[in-house]
PDB file of all heavy atoms in Angstrom:
ATOM      1  N   ASP A   1      -8.527  -6.372  -0.851  1.00  0.00           N
ATOM      2  CA  ASP A   1      -9.658  -5.423  -0.653  1.00  0.00           C
ATOM      3  C   ASP A   1     -10.655  -5.854   0.427  1.00  0.00           C
ATOM      4  O   ASP A   1     -11.094  -5.078   1.236  1.00  0.00           O
ATOM      5  CB  ASP A   1     -10.382  -5.254  -2.104  1.00  0.00           C
ATOM      6  CG  ASP A   1     -11.575  -4.293  -1.952  1.00  0.00           C
ATOM      7  OD1 ASP A   1     -11.313  -3.040  -1.607  1.00  0.00           O
ATOM      8  OD2 ASP A   1     -12.708  -4.611  -2.187  1.00  0.00           O
ATOM      9  N   LYS A   2     -10.915  -7.186   0.458  1.00  0.00           N
ATOM     10  CA  LYS A   2     -11.854  -7.645   1.461  1.00  0.00           C
ATOM     11  C   LYS A   2     -11.377  -7.553   2.842  1.00  0.00           C
ATOM     12  O   LYS A   2     -12.092  -7.607   3.755  1.00  0.00           O
ATOM     13  CB  LYS A   2     -12.211  -9.167   1.135  1.00  0.00           C
ATOM     14  CG  LYS A   2     -13.104  -9.212  -0.181  1.00  0.00           C
ATOM     15  CD  LYS A   2     -13.348 -10.651  -0.494  1.00  0.00           C
ATOM     16  CE  LYS A   2     -14.218 -10.799  -1.701  1.00  0.00           C
ATOM     17  NZ  LYS A   2     -14.382 -12.237  -2.140  1.00  0.00           N
ATOM     18  N   LEU A   3     -10.048  -7.543   3.015  1.00  0.00           N
ATOM     19  CA  LEU A   3      -9.405  -7.472   4.346  1.00  0.00           C
ATOM     20  C   LEU A   3      -9.559  -6.153   5.049  1.00  0.00           C
ATOM     21  O   LEU A   3      -9.546  -6.123   6.325  1.00  0.00           O
ATOM     22  CB  LEU A   3      -7.874  -7.769   4.246  1.00  0.00           C
ATOM     23  CG  LEU A   3      -7.568  -9.215   3.758  1.00  0.00           C
ATOM     24  CD1 LEU A   3      -6.045  -9.317   3.472  1.00  0.00           C
ATOM     25  CD2 LEU A   3      -8.003 -10.280   4.788  1.00  0.00           C
ATOM     26  N   ALA A   4      -9.898  -5.118   4.366  1.00  0.00           N
ATOM     27  CA  ALA A   4     -10.172  -3.827   4.825  1.00  0.00           C
ATOM     28  C   ALA A   4      -9.184  -3.310   5.949  1.00  0.00           C
ATOM     29  O   ALA A   4      -9.659  -2.972   7.072  1.00  0.00           O
ATOM     30  CB  ALA A   4     -11.627  -3.815   5.367  1.00  0.00           C
ATOM     31  N   PRO A   5      -7.884  -3.151   5.556  1.00  0.00           N
ATOM     32  CA  PRO A   5      -7.026  -2.679   6.582  1.00  0.00           C
ATOM     33  C   PRO A   5      -7.197  -1.298   6.899  1.00  0.00           C
ATOM     34  O   PRO A   5      -7.532  -0.422   6.050  1.00  0.00           O
ATOM     35  CB  PRO A   5      -5.629  -2.894   5.879  1.00  0.00           C
ATOM     36  CG  PRO A   5      -5.908  -2.859   4.383  1.00  0.00           C
ATOM     37  CD  PRO A   5      -7.278  -3.509   4.270  1.00  0.00           C
ATOM     38  N   ASP A   6      -6.893  -0.886   8.247  1.00  0.00           N
ATOM     39  CA  ASP A   6      -6.983   0.486   8.642  1.00  0.00           C
ATOM     40  C   ASP A   6      -5.659   1.237   8.242  1.00  0.00           C
ATOM     41  O   ASP A   6      -5.583   2.415   8.245  1.00  0.00           O
ATOM     42  CB  ASP A   6      -7.185   0.589  10.130  1.00  0.00           C
ATOM     43  CG  ASP A   6      -8.513  -0.045  10.487  1.00  0.00           C
ATOM     44  OD1 ASP A   6      -9.582   0.391   9.868  1.00  0.00           O
ATOM     45  OD2 ASP A   6      -8.601  -0.937  11.379  1.00  0.00           O
ATOM     46  N   LEU A   7      -4.620   0.435   8.191  1.00  0.00           N
ATOM     47  CA  LEU A   7      -3.251   0.994   7.974  1.00  0.00           C
ATOM     48  C   LEU A   7      -2.373   0.058   7.190  1.00  0.00           C
ATOM     49  O   LEU A   7      -2.498  -1.212   7.294  1.00  0.00           O
ATOM     50  CB  LEU A   7      -2.548   1.308   9.340  1.00  0.00           C
ATOM     51  CG  LEU A   7      -1.163   1.990   9.161  1.00  0.00           C
ATOM     52  CD1 LEU A   7      -1.027   3.069  10.132  1.00  0.00           C
ATOM     53  CD2 LEU A   7      -0.019   0.874   9.491  1.00  0.00           C
ATOM     54  N   ILE A   8      -1.572   0.660   6.220  1.00  0.00           N
ATOM     55  CA  ILE A   8      -0.671  -0.150   5.456  1.00  0.00           C
ATOM     56  C   ILE A   8       0.707  -0.002   6.073  1.00  0.00           C
ATOM     57  O   ILE A   8       1.138   1.183   6.255  1.00  0.00           O
ATOM     58  CB  ILE A   8      -0.705   0.197   4.009  1.00  0.00           C
ATOM     59  CG1 ILE A   8      -2.072   0.268   3.403  1.00  0.00           C
ATOM     60  CG2 ILE A   8       0.362  -0.655   3.197  1.00  0.00           C
ATOM     61  CD1 ILE A   8      -2.723  -1.030   3.303  1.00  0.00           C
ATOM     62  N   LEU A   9       1.461  -1.072   6.272  1.00  0.00           N
ATOM     63  CA  LEU A   9       2.788  -1.025   6.833  1.00  0.00           C
ATOM     64  C   LEU A   9       3.770  -1.522   5.836  1.00  0.00           C
ATOM     65  O   LEU A   9       3.522  -2.628   5.271  1.00  0.00           O
ATOM     66  CB  LEU A   9       2.845  -1.830   8.199  1.00  0.00           C
ATOM     67  CG  LEU A   9       4.211  -1.868   8.908  1.00  0.00           C
ATOM     68  CD1 LEU A   9       4.675  -0.455   9.273  1.00  0.00           C
ATOM     69  CD2 LEU A   9       4.160  -2.850  10.072  1.00  0.00           C
ATOM     70  N   MET A  10       4.855  -0.919   5.587  1.00  0.00           N
ATOM     71  CA  MET A  10       5.885  -1.338   4.595  1.00  0.00           C
ATOM     72  C   MET A  10       7.327  -0.905   5.166  1.00  0.00           C
ATOM     73  O   MET A  10       7.431  -0.081   6.003  1.00  0.00           O
ATOM     74  CB  MET A  10       5.705  -0.668   3.178  1.00  0.00           C
ATOM     75  CG  MET A  10       4.450  -1.065   2.514  1.00  0.00           C
ATOM     76  SD  MET A  10       4.379  -0.433   0.833  1.00  0.00           S
ATOM     77  CE  MET A  10       5.620  -1.346  -0.010  1.00  0.00           C
ATOM     78  N   MET A  11       8.278  -1.505   4.471  1.00  0.00           N
ATOM     79  CA  MET A  11       9.666  -1.129   4.830  1.00  0.00           C
ATOM     80  C   MET A  11      10.098  -0.086   3.819  1.00  0.00           C
ATOM     81  O   MET A  11       9.577   0.083   2.688  1.00  0.00           O
ATOM     82  CB  MET A  11      10.562  -2.280   4.556  1.00  0.00           C
ATOM     83  CG  MET A  11      10.448  -3.423   5.595  1.00  0.00           C
ATOM     84  SD  MET A  11      11.685  -4.723   5.470  1.00  0.00           S
ATOM     85  CE  MET A  11      11.275  -5.423   3.814  1.00  0.00           C
ATOM     86  N   THR A  12      10.953   0.747   4.224  1.00  0.00           N
ATOM     87  CA  THR A  12      11.706   1.576   3.211  1.00  0.00           C
ATOM     88  C   THR A  12      12.825   0.772   2.771  1.00  0.00           C
ATOM     89  O   THR A  12      13.261  -0.216   3.358  1.00  0.00           O
ATOM     90  CB  THR A  12      12.335   2.871   3.886  1.00  0.00           C
ATOM     91  OG1 THR A  12      13.126   2.472   5.070  1.00  0.00           O
ATOM     92  CG2 THR A  12      11.169   3.746   4.400  1.00  0.00           C
ATOM     93  N   GLY A  13      13.366   1.103   1.577  1.00  0.00           N
ATOM     94  CA  GLY A  13      14.477   0.265   1.043  1.00  0.00           C
ATOM     95  C   GLY A  13      14.646   0.533  -0.430  1.00  0.00           C
ATOM     96  O   GLY A  13      14.198   1.520  -0.977  1.00  0.00           O
ATOM     97  N   SER A  14      15.260  -0.352  -1.168  1.00  0.00           N
ATOM     98  CA  SER A  14      15.463  -0.261  -2.526  1.00  0.00           C
ATOM     99  C   SER A  14      14.886  -1.461  -3.292  1.00  0.00           C
ATOM    100  O   SER A  14      14.307  -2.406  -2.642  1.00  0.00           O
ATOM    101  CB  SER A  14      16.903  -0.284  -2.761  1.00  0.00           C
ATOM    102  OG  SER A  14      17.624  -1.504  -2.362  1.00  0.00           O
ATOM    103  N   GLY A  15      14.897  -1.388  -4.587  1.00  0.00           N
ATOM    104  CA  GLY A  15      14.302  -2.526  -5.376  1.00  0.00           C
ATOM    105  C   GLY A  15      12.803  -2.679  -5.208  1.00  0.00           C
ATOM    106  O   GLY A  15      12.070  -1.684  -5.077  1.00  0.00           O
ATOM    107  N   ASP A  16      12.381  -3.953  -5.077  1.00  0.00           N
ATOM    108  CA  ASP A  16      10.963  -4.228  -4.942  1.00  0.00           C
ATOM    109  C   ASP A  16      10.285  -3.772  -3.670  1.00  0.00           C
ATOM    110  O   ASP A  16       9.163  -3.489  -3.549  1.00  0.00           O
ATOM    111  CB  ASP A  16      10.741  -5.735  -5.056  1.00  0.00           C
ATOM    112  CG  ASP A  16      10.881  -6.319  -6.581  1.00  0.00           C
ATOM    113  OD1 ASP A  16      10.886  -5.468  -7.469  1.00  0.00           O
ATOM    114  OD2 ASP A  16      11.206  -7.473  -6.589  1.00  0.00           O
ATOM    115  N   HIS A  17      11.205  -3.474  -2.659  1.00  0.00           N
ATOM    116  CA  HIS A  17      10.712  -3.072  -1.401  1.00  0.00           C
ATOM    117  C   HIS A  17      10.347  -1.602  -1.338  1.00  0.00           C
ATOM    118  O   HIS A  17       9.695  -1.087  -0.489  1.00  0.00           O
ATOM    119  CB  HIS A  17      11.671  -3.364  -0.244  1.00  0.00           C
ATOM    120  CG  HIS A  17      11.952  -4.799  -0.077  1.00  0.00           C
ATOM    121  ND1 HIS A  17      10.885  -5.674   0.180  1.00  0.00           N
ATOM    122  CD2 HIS A  17      13.102  -5.551  -0.038  1.00  0.00           C
ATOM    123  CE1 HIS A  17      11.444  -7.020   0.313  1.00  0.00           C
ATOM    124  NE2 HIS A  17      12.739  -6.865   0.155  1.00  0.00           N
ATOM    125  N   MET A  18      10.816  -0.897  -2.355  1.00  0.00           N
ATOM    126  CA  MET A  18      10.700   0.573  -2.442  1.00  0.00           C
ATOM    127  C   MET A  18       9.461   0.905  -3.265  1.00  0.00           C
ATOM    128  O   MET A  18       9.283   0.567  -4.347  1.00  0.00           O
ATOM    129  CB  MET A  18      11.934   1.187  -3.091  1.00  0.00           C
ATOM    130  CG  MET A  18      12.013   2.733  -2.946  1.00  0.00           C
ATOM    131  SD  MET A  18      12.236   3.184  -1.285  1.00  0.00           S
ATOM    132  CE  MET A  18      12.404   5.044  -1.474  1.00  0.00           C
ATOM    133  N   ALA A  19       8.577   1.635  -2.661  1.00  0.00           N
ATOM    134  CA  ALA A  19       7.355   2.114  -3.362  1.00  0.00           C
ATOM    135  C   ALA A  19       6.898   3.338  -2.726  1.00  0.00           C
ATOM    136  O   ALA A  19       6.930   3.537  -1.557  1.00  0.00           O
ATOM    137  CB  ALA A  19       6.284   1.000  -3.296  1.00  0.00           C
ATOM    138  N   ARG A  20       6.476   4.299  -3.548  1.00  0.00           N
ATOM    139  CA  ARG A  20       5.949   5.554  -3.018  1.00  0.00           C
ATOM    140  C   ARG A  20       4.549   5.340  -2.411  1.00  0.00           C
ATOM    141  O   ARG A  20       3.782   4.527  -2.824  1.00  0.00           O
ATOM    142  CB  ARG A  20       5.816   6.535  -4.095  1.00  0.00           C
ATOM    143  CG  ARG A  20       7.096   6.976  -4.778  1.00  0.00           C
ATOM    144  CD  ARG A  20       6.917   8.230  -5.726  1.00  0.00           C
ATOM    145  NE  ARG A  20       5.861   8.139  -6.572  1.00  0.00           N
ATOM    146  CZ  ARG A  20       4.768   8.888  -6.662  1.00  0.00           C
ATOM    147  NH1 ARG A  20       4.833   9.974  -5.900  1.00  0.00           N
ATOM    148  NH2 ARG A  20       3.868   8.740  -7.522  1.00  0.00           N
ATOM    149  N   ALA A  21       4.394   6.073  -1.311  1.00  0.00           N
ATOM    150  CA  ALA A  21       3.100   5.941  -0.529  1.00  0.00           C
ATOM    151  C   ALA A  21       1.902   6.157  -1.444  1.00  0.00           C
ATOM    152  O   ALA A  21       0.864   5.442  -1.391  1.00  0.00           O
ATOM    153  CB  ALA A  21       3.114   6.833   0.653  1.00  0.00           C
ATOM    154  N   ALA A  22       1.974   7.228  -2.286  1.00  0.00           N
ATOM    155  CA  ALA A  22       0.918   7.517  -3.129  1.00  0.00           C
ATOM    156  C   ALA A  22       0.582   6.418  -4.068  1.00  0.00           C
ATOM    157  O   ALA A  22      -0.626   6.173  -4.421  1.00  0.00           O
ATOM    158  CB  ALA A  22       1.263   8.762  -3.910  1.00  0.00           C
ATOM    159  N   ASP A  23       1.630   5.707  -4.609  1.00  0.00           N
ATOM    160  CA  ASP A  23       1.312   4.588  -5.532  1.00  0.00           C
ATOM    161  C   ASP A  23       0.712   3.376  -4.756  1.00  0.00           C
ATOM    162  O   ASP A  23      -0.153   2.703  -5.454  1.00  0.00           O
ATOM    163  CB  ASP A  23       2.707   4.083  -6.130  1.00  0.00           C
ATOM    164  CG  ASP A  23       3.317   5.137  -7.032  1.00  0.00           C
ATOM    165  OD1 ASP A  23       2.545   6.055  -7.619  1.00  0.00           O
ATOM    166  OD2 ASP A  23       4.560   5.081  -7.190  1.00  0.00           O
ATOM    167  N   ILE A  24       1.082   3.205  -3.583  1.00  0.00           N
ATOM    168  CA  ILE A  24       0.443   2.047  -2.815  1.00  0.00           C
ATOM    169  C   ILE A  24      -1.047   2.410  -2.474  1.00  0.00           C
ATOM    170  O   ILE A  24      -1.941   1.541  -2.756  1.00  0.00           O
ATOM    171  CB  ILE A  24       1.248   1.807  -1.533  1.00  0.00           C
ATOM    172  CG1 ILE A  24       2.613   1.216  -1.783  1.00  0.00           C
ATOM    173  CG2 ILE A  24       0.383   0.826  -0.683  1.00  0.00           C
ATOM    174  CD1 ILE A  24       2.538  -0.147  -2.489  1.00  0.00           C
ATOM    175  N   LEU A  25      -1.260   3.584  -2.066  1.00  0.00           N
ATOM    176  CA  LEU A  25      -2.647   3.957  -1.663  1.00  0.00           C
ATOM    177  C   LEU A  25      -3.512   3.999  -2.864  1.00  0.00           C
ATOM    178  O   LEU A  25      -4.799   3.924  -2.687  1.00  0.00           O
ATOM    179  CB  LEU A  25      -2.567   5.329  -0.935  1.00  0.00           C
ATOM    180  CG  LEU A  25      -1.907   5.289   0.400  1.00  0.00           C
ATOM    181  CD1 LEU A  25      -1.861   6.626   1.038  1.00  0.00           C
ATOM    182  CD2 LEU A  25      -2.538   4.314   1.323  1.00  0.00           C
ATOM    183  N   SER A  26      -2.982   4.135  -4.116  1.00  0.00           N
ATOM    184  CA  SER A  26      -3.815   4.234  -5.307  1.00  0.00           C
ATOM    185  C   SER A  26      -3.827   2.857  -6.044  1.00  0.00           C
ATOM    186  O   SER A  26      -4.508   2.675  -7.068  1.00  0.00           O
ATOM    187  CB  SER A  26      -3.388   5.333  -6.269  1.00  0.00           C
ATOM    188  OG  SER A  26      -2.027   5.028  -6.690  1.00  0.00           O
ATOM    189  N   HIS A  27      -3.196   1.915  -5.464  1.00  0.00           N
ATOM    190  CA  HIS A  27      -3.227   0.542  -6.077  1.00  0.00           C
ATOM    191  C   HIS A  27      -4.621  -0.034  -6.035  1.00  0.00           C
ATOM    192  O   HIS A  27      -5.338   0.145  -5.148  1.00  0.00           O
ATOM    193  CB  HIS A  27      -2.253  -0.338  -5.243  1.00  0.00           C
ATOM    194  CG  HIS A  27      -1.928  -1.709  -5.932  1.00  0.00           C
ATOM    195  ND1 HIS A  27      -2.822  -2.756  -5.859  1.00  0.00           N
ATOM    196  CD2 HIS A  27      -0.798  -2.091  -6.614  1.00  0.00           C
ATOM    197  CE1 HIS A  27      -2.326  -3.750  -6.589  1.00  0.00           C
ATOM    198  NE2 HIS A  27      -1.148  -3.382  -7.007  1.00  0.00           N
ATOM    199  N   PRO A  28      -5.029  -0.723  -7.096  1.00  0.00           N
ATOM    200  CA  PRO A  28      -6.415  -1.254  -7.187  1.00  0.00           C
ATOM    201  C   PRO A  28      -6.706  -2.166  -5.897  1.00  0.00           C
ATOM    202  O   PRO A  28      -7.946  -2.171  -5.598  1.00  0.00           O
ATOM    203  CB  PRO A  28      -6.362  -2.160  -8.435  1.00  0.00           C
ATOM    204  CG  PRO A  28      -5.319  -1.506  -9.296  1.00  0.00           C
ATOM    205  CD  PRO A  28      -4.230  -1.055  -8.316  1.00  0.00           C
ATOM    206  N   ALA A  29      -5.780  -2.857  -5.417  1.00  0.00           N
ATOM    207  CA  ALA A  29      -6.110  -3.638  -4.219  1.00  0.00           C
ATOM    208  C   ALA A  29      -6.322  -2.766  -2.992  1.00  0.00           C
ATOM    209  O   ALA A  29      -6.960  -3.333  -2.028  1.00  0.00           O
ATOM    210  CB  ALA A  29      -5.033  -4.675  -4.009  1.00  0.00           C
ATOM    211  N   ILE A  30      -5.833  -1.645  -2.998  1.00  0.00           N
ATOM    212  CA  ILE A  30      -5.807  -0.808  -1.700  1.00  0.00           C
ATOM    213  C   ILE A  30      -6.764   0.377  -1.786  1.00  0.00           C
ATOM    214  O   ILE A  30      -7.384   0.828  -0.683  1.00  0.00           O
ATOM    215  CB  ILE A  30      -4.373  -0.238  -1.427  1.00  0.00           C
ATOM    216  CG1 ILE A  30      -3.382  -1.415  -1.317  1.00  0.00           C
ATOM    217  CG2 ILE A  30      -4.333   0.610  -0.174  1.00  0.00           C
ATOM    218  CD1 ILE A  30      -3.645  -2.394  -0.174  1.00  0.00           C
ATOM    219  N   VAL A  31      -7.056   0.855  -2.965  1.00  0.00           N
ATOM    220  CA  VAL A  31      -7.674   2.135  -3.165  1.00  0.00           C
ATOM    221  C   VAL A  31      -9.011   2.303  -2.437  1.00  0.00           C
ATOM    222  O   VAL A  31      -9.372   3.412  -1.979  1.00  0.00           O
ATOM    223  CB  VAL A  31      -7.837   2.439  -4.642  1.00  0.00           C
ATOM    224  CG1 VAL A  31      -8.829   1.572  -5.292  1.00  0.00           C
ATOM    225  CG2 VAL A  31      -8.114   3.994  -4.909  1.00  0.00           C
ATOM    226  N   SER A  32      -9.798   1.257  -2.304  1.00  0.00           N
ATOM    227  CA  SER A  32     -11.108   1.331  -1.586  1.00  0.00           C
ATOM    228  C   SER A  32     -11.103   0.926  -0.193  1.00  0.00           C
ATOM    229  O   SER A  32     -12.154   0.819   0.508  1.00  0.00           O
ATOM    230  CB  SER A  32     -12.153   0.489  -2.382  1.00  0.00           C
ATOM    231  OG  SER A  32     -11.790  -0.837  -2.326  1.00  0.00           O
ATOM    232  N   THR A  33      -9.845   0.705   0.375  1.00  0.00           N
ATOM    233  CA  THR A  33      -9.811   0.293   1.876  1.00  0.00           C
ATOM    234  C   THR A  33      -9.881   1.455   2.832  1.00  0.00           C
ATOM    235  O   THR A  33      -9.520   2.567   2.359  1.00  0.00           O
ATOM    236  CB  THR A  33      -8.426  -0.518   2.082  1.00  0.00           C
ATOM    237  OG1 THR A  33      -7.371   0.425   1.900  1.00  0.00           O
ATOM    238  CG2 THR A  33      -8.339  -1.748   1.154  1.00  0.00           C
ATOM    239  N   PRO A  34     -10.158   1.250   4.038  1.00  0.00           N
ATOM    240  CA  PRO A  34     -10.107   2.326   4.954  1.00  0.00           C
ATOM    241  C   PRO A  34      -8.768   3.014   4.983  1.00  0.00           C
ATOM    242  O   PRO A  34      -8.619   4.170   5.263  1.00  0.00           O
ATOM    243  CB  PRO A  34     -10.431   1.600   6.312  1.00  0.00           C
ATOM    244  CG  PRO A  34     -11.300   0.431   5.899  1.00  0.00           C
ATOM    245  CD  PRO A  34     -10.709  -0.072   4.633  1.00  0.00           C
TER     246      PRO A  34
END
C-alpha cells in the first residue's frame, strides 16, 4: 500500500499466476493505491 503504484502488471496463465483483474484491484493491499 505504501508503494503507491500507478499500474499493476501481471502475467496471464494458470494456477497461482491466474487472477481476475477485479480481484487484484479490490485486494486489501491494492485497493487504496493509485
